[in-house]
Amino acid sequence: MTSSDDGRQGAIDGRFMREALALGWRQQGLTSPNPSVGSVIVRTVEGAPVVVGLGATQEGGRPHGEPVALAMAGEAARGATMYVSLEPCSHHGRAGPCSDAIIAAGMARVVTGVEDPDPRVAGQGHARMRAAGVTVHTGVLADDAFRMHRGHILRVTLGRPLVTLKLARTADGFAARAAGGRLLITGAAANDQVHLMRVHADAIMVGVGTVLADDPQLTVRLPGLDARSPIRVVLDSTLRLPPDARLVAGASQVPTWVVTTDAAPADREQKLAAAGVVVIRVAAERDGRVSLPAALAALAQRGIARVFSEGGPALAEALAGAGLIDEALMLTGPQALPAGEGGSGLRAIGPALAVALADPAQFRLHETGYWGLDRFEKFERPF
């Protein structure tokens, strides 16, 4: 194969891997505890690549994206190429290994984005297919594939979910008034983008202080996407969450979990449980507050791979101090704190978070731009 042929094949591989990633991303937030994997099957017809199968992991995690694409392709899969965002599995669960299904379908070539570090897979899917004579090429759009599957990767390697922090601030750096009244910082375009980020999370996480101050719903309120609201998680060391809070009242429609400590009063747990709230007890820090590492580990054990933290500056500072932020979305509105309140509000970024975001060893600026009049900055922890 000449260098020009290599370049053409590389362009084709990149094109269809992007499509596989897009298919997987569409299902992100629906497939926990399994990763959302996208798959595209392509065969050459009269010298041109033609898509014959498309698939993504289905709601609840089964079936995986590969068998969905194989079912669509049927006999056209024989001798074709499959593009898949994550290494096909090699272990038996509720269904047989995807790598075996690919072999049985007679696929000639498989192109993957990133290896699955799950100990039950960890290169074995690739090896299984190669041993059966399938040509395997991995690492195509590896950064994009890693980014999309980072929640799954962290869950199986570190035992905790990916944490994405969201903070909004006024033009002069405040997240809230010093006292009284909710401060509306961002406009409709930015708010819609935040709701889209909720769609692709397994859980939204806040501290009980946010609930007491704002009584939020923490749901997705976009046309046609209200059913995609993730689990609401409240960190509440002493179970101060009011039984009449909207999160509690709506627990039968959208699950609400409260993470508390072993010392929290049992009678308060009983009231919340009676309303349909799931109460999870974890270890406490020396100051009596919920241990953030223990809380995240408990969420991971329950299948949560992606957490969207909207808990405000106090939770953001605690997460930063513990080194538990993987992505950060900073939104800056065009207006300063209202007249007469300048300098008296709550600063959005505390010292630990400021140091972390400014340190290239901890974070890099991945993307920036505007949603309406609001500036956004997306930071990510280096791979």
Protein backbone atom coordinates (compact mmCIF):
# COMPACT_ATOMS: atom_id res chain seq x y z
CA MET A 1 0.00 0.00 0.00
CA THR A 2 1.41 3.42 -0.99
CA SER A 3 1.60 6.42 1.29
CA SER A 4 -1.31 8.00 -0.59
CA ASP A 5 -3.35 4.84 -0.02
CA ASP A 6 -2.41 4.98 3.66
CA GLY A 7 -3.54 8.58 3.82
CA ARG A 8 -6.84 7.81 2.12
CA GLN A 9 -7.50 4.88 4.45
CA GLY A 10 -6.61 7.05 7.44
CA ALA A 11 -9.12 9.68 6.32
CA ILE A 12 -11.80 7.01 5.86
CA ASP A 13 -11.05 5.54 9.28
CA GLY A 14 -11.26 8.97 10.92
CA ARG A 15 -14.55 9.75 9.18
CA PHE A 16 -16.33 6.61 10.32
CA MET A 17 -14.81 6.65 13.80
CA ARG A 18 -16.31 10.13 14.24
CA GLU A 19 -19.65 8.66 13.30
CA ALA A 20 -19.22 5.83 15.82
CA LEU A 21 -18.34 8.35 18.52
CA ALA A 22 -21.39 10.45 17.67
CA LEU A 23 -23.65 7.40 17.92
CA GLY A 24 -22.20 6.49 21.30
CA TRP A 25 -22.46 10.04 22.60
CA ARG A 26 -26.15 10.17 21.71
CA GLN A 27 -26.79 7.39 24.25
CA GLN A 28 -24.42 8.72 26.90
CA GLY A 29 -26.33 8.97 30.17
CA LEU A 30 -28.69 6.08 29.37
CA THR A 31 -26.45 3.02 29.49
CA SER A 32 -25.08 2.92 33.04
CA PRO A 33 -23.49 0.77 34.37
CA ASN A 34 -22.14 -0.07 30.91
CA PRO A 35 -20.25 2.37 28.66
CA SER A 36 -22.11 3.87 25.71
CA VAL A 37 -20.35 2.40 22.69
CA GLY A 38 -20.99 3.46 19.11
CA SER A 39 -20.44 1.15 16.16
CA VAL A 40 -20.49 1.60 12.36
CA ILE A 41 -20.10 -1.22 9.79
CA VAL A 42 -18.76 -0.25 6.39
CA ARG A 43 -18.13 -2.31 3.27
CA THR A 44 -16.66 -1.28 -0.06
CA VAL A 45 -19.12 -1.20 -2.95
CA GLU A 46 -17.79 -0.31 -6.40
CA GLY A 47 -14.69 1.21 -4.84
CA ALA A 48 -16.54 3.41 -2.34
CA PRO A 49 -17.25 2.90 1.39
CA VAL A 50 -20.92 2.27 2.15
CA VAL A 51 -22.45 2.11 5.65
CA VAL A 52 -24.42 -1.11 6.12
CA GLY A 53 -24.82 -1.15 9.91
CA LEU A 54 -25.16 1.37 12.74
CA GLY A 55 -25.47 0.73 16.45
CA ALA A 56 -25.05 2.14 19.95
CA THR A 57 -25.39 0.63 23.40
CA GLN A 58 -29.05 0.59 24.34
CA GLU A 59 -30.78 1.94 27.43
CA GLY A 60 -29.76 0.06 30.55
CA GLY A 61 -26.53 -1.13 28.92
CA ARG A 62 -27.79 -3.98 26.74
CA PRO A 63 -27.45 -4.86 23.94
CA HIS A 64 -24.05 -3.33 23.23
CA GLY A 65 -23.46 -1.21 20.16
CA GLU A 66 -21.67 -3.93 18.19
CA PRO A 67 -24.50 -6.50 18.08
CA VAL A 68 -26.98 -3.72 17.25
CA ALA A 69 -24.88 -2.78 14.21
CA LEU A 70 -24.38 -6.45 13.26
CA ALA A 71 -28.13 -7.08 13.37
CA MET A 72 -28.71 -4.17 11.01
CA ALA A 73 -25.97 -5.25 8.61
CA GLY A 74 -26.93 -8.94 8.45
CA GLU A 75 -24.96 -10.82 5.79
CA ALA A 76 -23.49 -7.53 4.58
CA ALA A 77 -21.21 -7.62 7.63
CA ARG A 78 -19.22 -10.51 6.15
CA GLY A 79 -15.90 -9.18 4.87
CA ALA A 80 -16.69 -5.63 6.03
CA THR A 81 -15.01 -3.23 8.47
CA MET A 82 -16.43 -2.32 11.87
CA TYR A 83 -15.61 0.98 13.54
CA VAL A 84 -16.22 0.90 17.29
CA SER A 85 -15.45 3.59 19.87
CA LEU A 86 -14.27 1.15 22.59
CA GLU A 87 -12.63 -2.26 22.43
CA PRO A 88 -15.30 -4.97 21.99
CA CYS A 89 -15.86 -6.97 25.16
CA SER A 90 -14.46 -10.47 25.61
CA HIS A 91 -16.36 -11.67 28.69
CA HIS A 92 -19.73 -13.29 29.26
CA GLY A 93 -22.42 -11.18 30.94
CA ARG A 94 -26.10 -11.24 30.11
CA ALA A 95 -25.02 -11.92 26.52
CA GLY A 96 -21.98 -13.43 24.83
CA PRO A 97 -18.81 -11.44 24.12
CA CYS A 98 -19.05 -8.85 21.36
CA SER A 99 -15.67 -9.99 20.04
CA ASP A 100 -17.12 -13.47 19.46
CA ALA A 101 -20.14 -11.99 17.65
CA ILE A 102 -17.82 -10.00 15.39
CA ILE A 103 -15.80 -13.13 14.57
CA ALA A 104 -18.94 -15.16 13.89
CA ALA A 105 -20.24 -12.48 11.54
CA GLY A 106 -17.14 -12.82 9.37
CA MET A 107 -15.86 -9.28 9.78
CA ALA A 108 -12.59 -8.72 7.93
CA ARG A 109 -11.36 -5.68 9.84
CA VAL A 110 -12.13 -3.91 13.13
CA VAL A 111 -11.04 -0.35 13.92
CA THR A 112 -11.29 0.84 17.55
CA GLY A 113 -10.76 4.11 19.34
CA VAL A 114 -9.35 2.99 22.67
CA GLU A 115 -8.65 -0.19 24.63
CA ASP A 116 -11.09 -1.02 27.41
CA PRO A 117 -9.16 -1.11 30.74
CA ASP A 118 -11.88 -3.21 32.40
CA PRO A 119 -9.91 -6.21 33.77
CA ARG A 120 -12.42 -8.52 32.09
CA VAL A 121 -11.38 -7.08 28.72
CA ALA A 122 -8.07 -5.13 28.83
CA GLY A 123 -6.84 -6.08 25.35
CA GLN A 124 -8.39 -9.55 25.34
CA GLY A 125 -11.12 -8.49 22.89
CA HIS A 126 -8.51 -7.26 20.44
CA ALA A 127 -6.38 -10.38 20.93
CA ARG A 128 -9.35 -12.70 20.46
CA MET A 129 -10.25 -11.14 17.13
CA ARG A 130 -6.66 -11.11 15.88
CA ALA A 131 -6.31 -14.79 16.77
CA ALA A 132 -9.38 -15.50 14.62
CA GLY A 133 -7.83 -13.75 11.62
CA VAL A 134 -9.57 -10.39 11.92
CA THR A 135 -7.36 -7.39 11.13
CA VAL A 136 -7.48 -5.06 14.14
CA HIS A 137 -6.39 -1.44 14.09
CA THR A 138 -6.72 0.55 17.30
CA GLY A 139 -6.02 4.08 18.48
CA VAL A 140 -8.00 5.93 15.80
CA LEU A 141 -9.14 9.28 17.25
CA ALA A 142 -7.84 7.94 20.54
CA ASP A 143 -8.12 11.25 22.44
CA ASP A 144 -11.73 11.72 21.40
CA ALA A 145 -12.56 8.12 22.27
CA PHE A 146 -10.82 8.40 25.64
CA ARG A 147 -12.65 11.64 26.36
CA MET A 148 -16.03 10.08 25.62
CA HIS A 149 -15.34 6.93 27.63
CA ARG A 150 -13.44 8.61 30.45
CA GLY A 151 -16.23 8.04 32.96
CA HIS A 152 -16.17 4.29 32.31
CA ILE A 153 -12.37 4.27 32.35
CA LEU A 154 -12.16 6.07 35.71
CA ARG A 155 -14.85 3.86 37.19
CA VAL A 156 -13.01 0.63 36.36
CA THR A 157 -9.49 1.91 37.09
CA LEU A 158 -9.94 4.26 40.07
CA GLY A 159 -13.30 3.13 41.41
CA ARG A 160 -14.92 6.54 41.04
CA PRO A 161 -16.91 8.37 38.35
CA LEU A 162 -15.80 11.21 36.13
CA VAL A 163 -16.60 14.53 37.81
CA THR A 164 -17.51 17.50 35.64
CA LEU A 165 -17.76 20.76 37.55
CA LYS A 166 -20.01 23.59 36.37
CA LEU A 167 -19.77 27.09 37.81
CA ALA A 168 -21.37 30.32 36.65
CA ARG A 169 -20.06 33.75 37.64
CA THR A 170 -20.82 37.38 37.01
CA ALA A 171 -18.44 39.49 34.93
CA ASP A 172 -16.73 40.52 38.18
CA GLY A 173 -16.40 36.95 39.47
CA PHE A 174 -19.35 36.33 41.81
CA ALA A 175 -21.52 33.22 41.94
CA ALA A 176 -24.16 34.51 44.34
CA ARG A 177 -25.26 37.42 46.49
CA ALA A 178 -23.92 37.49 50.01
CA ALA A 179 -27.46 37.02 51.31
CA GLY A 180 -30.92 36.69 49.93
CA GLY A 181 -32.34 36.17 46.48
CA ARG A 182 -31.18 33.87 43.74
CA LEU A 183 -28.75 35.48 41.30
CA LEU A 184 -29.51 34.73 37.64
CA ILE A 185 -26.22 34.96 35.79
CA THR A 186 -26.51 33.23 32.41
CA GLY A 187 -28.92 33.56 29.53
CA ALA A 188 -31.11 31.09 27.65
CA ALA A 189 -28.46 29.80 25.24
CA ALA A 190 -26.03 28.90 28.04
CA ASN A 191 -28.81 27.44 30.16
CA ASP A 192 -29.87 25.18 27.29
CA GLN A 193 -26.28 23.97 26.90
CA VAL A 194 -26.15 23.14 30.62
CA HIS A 195 -29.35 21.13 30.27
CA LEU A 196 -27.78 19.22 27.36
CA MET A 197 -24.83 18.41 29.62
CA ARG A 198 -27.31 17.08 32.18
CA VAL A 199 -28.72 14.79 29.48
CA HIS A 200 -25.37 13.05 29.09
CA ALA A 201 -24.66 12.65 32.83
CA ASP A 202 -25.56 9.68 35.01
CA ALA A 203 -26.05 11.96 38.01
CA ILE A 204 -26.26 15.64 38.96
CA MET A 205 -24.58 16.35 42.30
CA VAL A 206 -25.11 19.27 44.70
CA GLY A 207 -24.57 19.97 48.36
CA VAL A 208 -27.53 20.37 50.68
CA GLY A 209 -26.71 24.07 51.00
CA THR A 210 -27.69 24.57 47.36
CA VAL A 211 -31.00 22.83 48.01
CA LEU A 212 -31.73 24.92 51.10
CA ALA A 213 -30.89 28.15 49.26
CA ASP A 214 -32.51 27.52 45.85
CA ASP A 215 -34.85 24.48 46.13
CA PRO A 216 -33.80 23.38 42.61
CA GLN A 217 -35.41 20.71 40.45
CA LEU A 218 -32.14 19.55 38.79
CA THR A 219 -34.05 18.09 35.85
CA VAL A 220 -33.70 18.36 32.09
CA ARG A 221 -36.20 20.88 30.81
CA LEU A 222 -35.67 20.82 27.08
CA PRO A 223 -38.44 19.92 24.61
CA GLY A 224 -38.50 16.18 24.04
CA LEU A 225 -35.69 15.46 26.49
CA ASP A 226 -37.43 15.65 29.86
CA ALA A 227 -37.24 11.85 30.16
CA ARG A 228 -33.43 12.13 30.07
CA SER A 229 -33.16 13.70 33.54
CA PRO A 230 -30.35 11.96 35.46
CA ILE A 231 -30.34 10.83 39.08
CA ARG A 232 -30.20 13.79 41.52
CA VAL A 233 -27.54 13.35 44.23
CA VAL A 234 -27.41 15.53 47.35
CA LEU A 235 -24.42 15.52 49.71
CA ASP A 236 -25.97 16.02 53.13
CA SER A 237 -23.88 15.11 56.18
CA THR A 238 -26.69 15.42 58.76
CA LEU A 239 -29.78 14.91 56.56
CA ARG A 240 -30.97 18.50 56.57
CA LEU A 241 -32.77 17.97 53.26
CA PRO A 242 -36.35 19.16 53.88
CA PRO A 243 -39.11 16.61 53.23
CA ASP A 244 -40.98 19.29 51.25
CA ALA A 245 -38.06 20.10 48.93
CA ARG A 246 -38.81 19.71 45.24
CA LEU A 247 -36.11 17.04 44.93
CA VAL A 248 -37.96 14.98 47.53
CA ALA A 249 -41.43 15.65 46.18
CA GLY A 250 -40.34 14.54 42.71
CA ALA A 251 -38.34 11.48 43.80
CA SER A 252 -40.93 9.09 42.38
CA GLN A 253 -40.52 10.64 38.91
CA VAL A 254 -36.78 11.36 38.90
CA PRO A 255 -34.64 9.38 41.37
CA THR A 256 -33.11 11.34 44.25
CA TRP A 257 -30.21 9.94 46.25
CA VAL A 258 -28.83 11.49 49.41
CA VAL A 259 -25.29 10.68 50.49
CA THR A 260 -24.87 11.15 54.23
CA THR A 261 -22.68 9.97 57.10
CA ASP A 262 -23.08 7.11 59.54
CA ALA A 263 -23.83 9.65 62.26
CA ALA A 264 -26.87 11.18 60.54
CA PRO A 265 -30.16 10.82 62.47
CA ALA A 266 -32.13 7.65 61.66
CA ASP A 267 -35.51 9.37 61.98
CA ARG A 268 -34.62 11.84 59.23
CA GLU A 269 -33.56 8.97 56.99
CA GLN A 270 -36.88 7.25 57.58
CA LYS A 271 -38.84 10.33 56.50
CA LEU A 272 -36.80 10.71 53.32
CA ALA A 273 -36.99 7.00 52.53
CA ALA A 274 -40.77 7.10 52.96
CA ALA A 275 -40.87 9.77 50.24
CA GLY A 276 -38.87 7.56 47.85
CA VAL A 277 -35.42 9.03 48.45
CA VAL A 278 -32.48 6.60 48.49
CA VAL A 279 -30.19 7.31 51.44
CA ILE A 280 -26.58 6.17 51.16
CA ARG A 281 -24.32 6.27 54.22
CA VAL A 282 -20.56 6.68 53.84
CA ALA A 283 -17.60 7.60 56.00
CA ALA A 284 -17.20 11.14 57.31
CA GLU A 285 -14.19 13.42 57.32
CA ARG A 286 -12.77 14.63 60.65
CA ASP A 287 -15.02 17.69 60.49
CA GLY A 288 -18.09 15.45 60.23
CA ARG A 289 -18.78 16.17 56.58
CA VAL A 290 -19.34 13.49 53.97
CA SER A 291 -16.04 12.15 52.65
CA LEU A 292 -16.01 13.09 48.96
CA PRO A 293 -13.82 10.12 47.92
CA ALA A 294 -16.15 7.77 49.81
CA ALA A 295 -19.23 9.41 48.27
CA LEU A 296 -17.88 9.07 44.74
CA ALA A 297 -16.82 5.48 45.38
CA ALA A 298 -20.34 4.68 46.58
CA LEU A 299 -21.80 6.20 43.42
CA ALA A 300 -19.41 4.20 41.24
CA GLN A 301 -20.40 0.99 43.02
CA ARG A 302 -23.99 1.76 42.02
CA GLY A 303 -23.04 2.09 38.35
CA ILE A 304 -22.57 5.85 38.13
CA ALA A 305 -19.78 6.75 35.69
CA ARG A 306 -20.44 10.45 34.97
CA VAL A 307 -21.27 13.04 37.64
CA PHE A 308 -22.20 16.64 36.78
CA SER A 309 -21.51 18.80 39.82
CA GLU A 310 -23.69 21.93 40.05
CA GLY A 311 -23.27 22.49 43.75
CA GLY A 312 -21.73 25.96 43.77
CA PRO A 313 -18.44 27.40 45.07
CA ALA A 314 -18.24 25.49 48.37
CA LEU A 315 -18.56 22.07 46.76
CA ALA A 316 -16.30 23.15 43.89
CA GLU A 317 -13.59 24.20 46.34
CA ALA A 318 -13.89 20.93 48.27
CA LEU A 319 -13.65 18.87 45.08
CA ALA A 320 -10.66 20.89 43.89
CA GLY A 321 -8.91 20.51 47.24
CA ALA A 322 -9.39 16.74 47.06
CA GLY A 323 -8.18 16.55 43.45
CA LEU A 324 -11.50 15.10 42.30
CA ILE A 325 -12.38 17.33 39.33
CA ASP A 326 -11.78 15.88 35.87
CA GLU A 327 -13.53 18.50 33.73
CA ALA A 328 -14.62 22.04 34.52
CA LEU A 329 -17.09 24.28 32.73
CA MET A 330 -16.75 27.94 33.68
CA LEU A 331 -19.55 30.26 32.53
CA THR A 332 -19.09 34.02 32.73
CA GLY A 333 -22.11 36.26 32.26
CA PRO A 334 -21.89 39.75 30.71
CA GLN A 335 -23.19 41.61 33.79
CA ALA A 336 -21.46 42.49 37.05
CA LEU A 337 -23.03 41.92 40.45
CA PRO A 338 -26.03 44.29 40.73
CA ALA A 339 -25.34 47.84 41.83
CA GLY A 340 -25.00 48.24 45.56
CA GLU A 341 -23.77 44.66 45.99
CA GLY A 342 -20.31 45.00 44.48
CA GLY A 343 -17.68 43.19 46.50
CA SER A 344 -20.23 41.71 48.88
CA GLY A 345 -21.13 38.55 46.97
CA LEU A 346 -19.85 34.99 47.09
CA ARG A 347 -16.81 34.49 44.89
CA ALA A 348 -17.24 31.72 42.32
CA ILE A 349 -13.66 30.49 42.38
CA GLY A 350 -11.91 29.74 45.65
CA PRO A 351 -8.13 29.49 46.18
CA ALA A 352 -7.81 25.73 45.64
CA LEU A 353 -9.79 25.80 42.40
CA ALA A 354 -7.93 28.89 41.17
CA VAL A 355 -4.57 27.20 41.71
CA ALA A 356 -5.75 23.99 40.02
CA LEU A 357 -7.13 25.70 36.91
CA ALA A 358 -3.96 27.81 36.52
CA ASP A 359 -1.66 24.77 36.78
CA PRO A 360 -1.04 23.13 33.36
CA ALA A 361 -0.05 19.93 35.14
CA GLN A 362 -3.58 19.74 36.56
CA PHE A 363 -5.77 21.28 33.85
CA ARG A 364 -5.64 22.46 30.28
CA LEU A 365 -8.07 24.75 28.52
CA HIS A 366 -9.79 22.47 26.02
CA GLU A 367 -12.38 24.76 24.46
CA THR A 368 -13.67 28.30 24.75
CA GLY A 369 -16.32 30.42 23.10
CA TYR A 370 -19.71 32.04 23.61
CA TRP A 371 -23.23 30.76 24.14
CA GLY A 372 -25.25 33.86 23.46
CA LEU A 373 -23.66 36.64 25.52
CA ASP A 374 -22.13 34.22 28.03
CA ARG A 375 -18.52 33.14 27.68
CA PHE A 376 -17.71 29.49 28.35
CA GLU A 377 -14.38 27.87 29.11
CA LYS A 378 -13.98 24.10 29.24
CA PHE A 379 -11.01 22.73 31.17
CA GLU A 380 -9.95 19.10 31.40
CA ARG A 381 -7.43 17.15 33.39
CA PRO A 382 -4.65 15.97 31.05
CA PHE A 383 -4.94 12.35 29.92
